[in-house]
């Protein structure tokens, strides 16, 4: 995903997920609520800190992928292990 907080553009099915979408659920929330069997759910997109990563795990993701934040802060994982509130430096350009 481009952003772990992205919301669906519109409803796509009339089943129970429609209620979730109507309630303002994020795509992460919708995908985490689907029956997945043994399939694991990984998320990525605008995860600059341990707090955001933990939020994704708490909401049902099985693992978190960090891209830009880890490029900008090469030791991001180590720093988050030491201080869970650590956040990567801001992106210098949009």
Protein backbone atom coordinates (compact mmCIF):
# COMPACT_ATOMS: atom_id res chain seq x y z
CA UNK A 1 0.00 0.00 0.00
CA UNK A 2 1.06 3.57 -0.48
CA UNK A 3 -0.19 4.47 2.98
CA UNK A 4 -1.26 2.11 5.79
CA UNK A 5 -4.00 4.60 6.69
CA UNK A 6 -5.48 4.69 3.17
CA UNK A 7 -9.22 4.28 2.98
CA UNK A 8 -11.06 2.53 0.11
CA UNK A 9 -12.35 4.80 -2.65
CA UNK A 10 -15.73 3.08 -2.65
CA UNK A 11 -17.55 -0.04 -1.53
CA UNK A 12 -16.95 -3.08 -3.69
CA UNK A 13 -19.24 -5.75 -2.23
CA UNK A 14 -22.59 -5.94 -0.46
CA UNK A 15 -21.44 -8.33 2.31
CA UNK A 16 -20.33 -7.58 5.89
CA UNK A 17 -17.27 -5.70 4.63
CA UNK A 18 -19.60 -3.00 3.37
CA UNK A 19 -20.41 -2.13 6.98
CA UNK A 20 -16.70 -1.86 7.74
CA UNK A 21 -16.17 0.37 4.72
CA UNK A 22 -19.15 2.50 5.66
CA UNK A 23 -17.68 2.89 9.15
CA UNK A 24 -14.51 4.39 7.67
CA UNK A 25 -12.19 1.40 7.97
CA UNK A 26 -8.80 1.55 6.32
CA UNK A 27 -7.72 -0.92 3.66
CA UNK A 28 -5.55 -2.57 6.32
CA UNK A 29 -8.60 -3.05 8.52
CA UNK A 30 -10.61 -4.51 5.64
CA UNK A 31 -7.88 -6.93 4.52
CA UNK A 32 -7.11 -7.96 8.10
CA UNK A 33 -10.78 -8.84 8.61
CA UNK A 34 -10.87 -11.23 5.64
CA UNK A 35 -10.50 -14.98 6.27
CA UNK A 36 -6.90 -15.67 5.22
CA UNK A 37 -6.24 -19.23 6.33
CA UNK A 38 -2.47 -19.60 6.46
CA UNK A 39 -1.84 -16.61 4.21
CA UNK A 40 0.13 -13.88 5.97
CA UNK A 41 -0.69 -10.18 5.58
CA UNK A 42 2.19 -7.75 5.16
CA UNK A 43 1.76 -3.99 5.02
CA UNK A 44 3.88 -1.10 3.84
CA UNK A 45 3.48 2.61 3.30
CA UNK A 46 4.29 5.59 5.48
CA UNK A 47 5.64 3.64 8.44
CA UNK A 48 8.20 6.03 9.95
CA UNK A 49 8.25 4.74 13.52
CA UNK A 50 7.95 1.81 15.85
CA UNK A 51 4.60 3.17 17.04
CA UNK A 52 3.08 3.05 13.55
CA UNK A 53 4.56 -0.41 12.95
CA UNK A 54 3.10 -1.66 16.23
CA UNK A 55 -0.28 -0.15 15.36
CA UNK A 56 -0.28 -2.13 12.09
CA UNK A 57 0.53 -5.35 13.96
CA UNK A 58 -2.14 -4.61 16.56
CA UNK A 59 -4.72 -4.12 13.77
CA UNK A 60 -4.04 -7.52 12.22
CA UNK A 61 -0.96 -7.30 10.00
CA UNK A 62 1.39 -10.26 10.37
CA UNK A 63 4.46 -8.28 9.36
CA UNK A 64 5.45 -4.73 8.47
CA UNK A 65 7.71 -3.64 5.61
CA UNK A 66 9.61 -0.40 6.01
CA UNK A 67 11.04 1.35 2.95
CA UNK A 68 11.72 5.07 2.81
CA UNK A 69 12.04 5.49 6.58
CA UNK A 70 14.73 2.81 6.68
CA UNK A 71 16.57 4.35 3.74
CA UNK A 72 16.58 7.74 5.43
CA UNK A 73 17.51 6.25 8.81
CA UNK A 74 19.74 3.25 8.02
CA UNK A 75 19.63 1.94 11.60
CA UNK A 76 15.89 2.41 12.10
CA UNK A 77 15.25 -1.14 13.31
CA UNK A 78 18.01 -0.96 15.93
CA UNK A 79 16.83 2.42 17.16
CA UNK A 80 13.21 1.26 17.44
CA UNK A 81 14.31 -1.77 19.45
CA UNK A 82 16.14 0.55 21.85
CA UNK A 83 13.40 3.20 21.93
CA UNK A 84 9.94 2.13 20.64
CA UNK A 85 8.91 5.79 20.27
CA UNK A 86 11.78 6.54 17.86
CA UNK A 87 10.75 7.97 14.48
CA UNK A 88 12.81 8.27 11.28
CA UNK A 89 13.81 11.67 9.98
CA UNK A 90 11.29 13.41 7.74
CA UNK A 91 11.43 12.85 4.02
CA UNK A 92 13.40 15.74 2.46
CA UNK A 93 11.16 15.88 -0.63
CA UNK A 94 7.60 14.87 -1.45
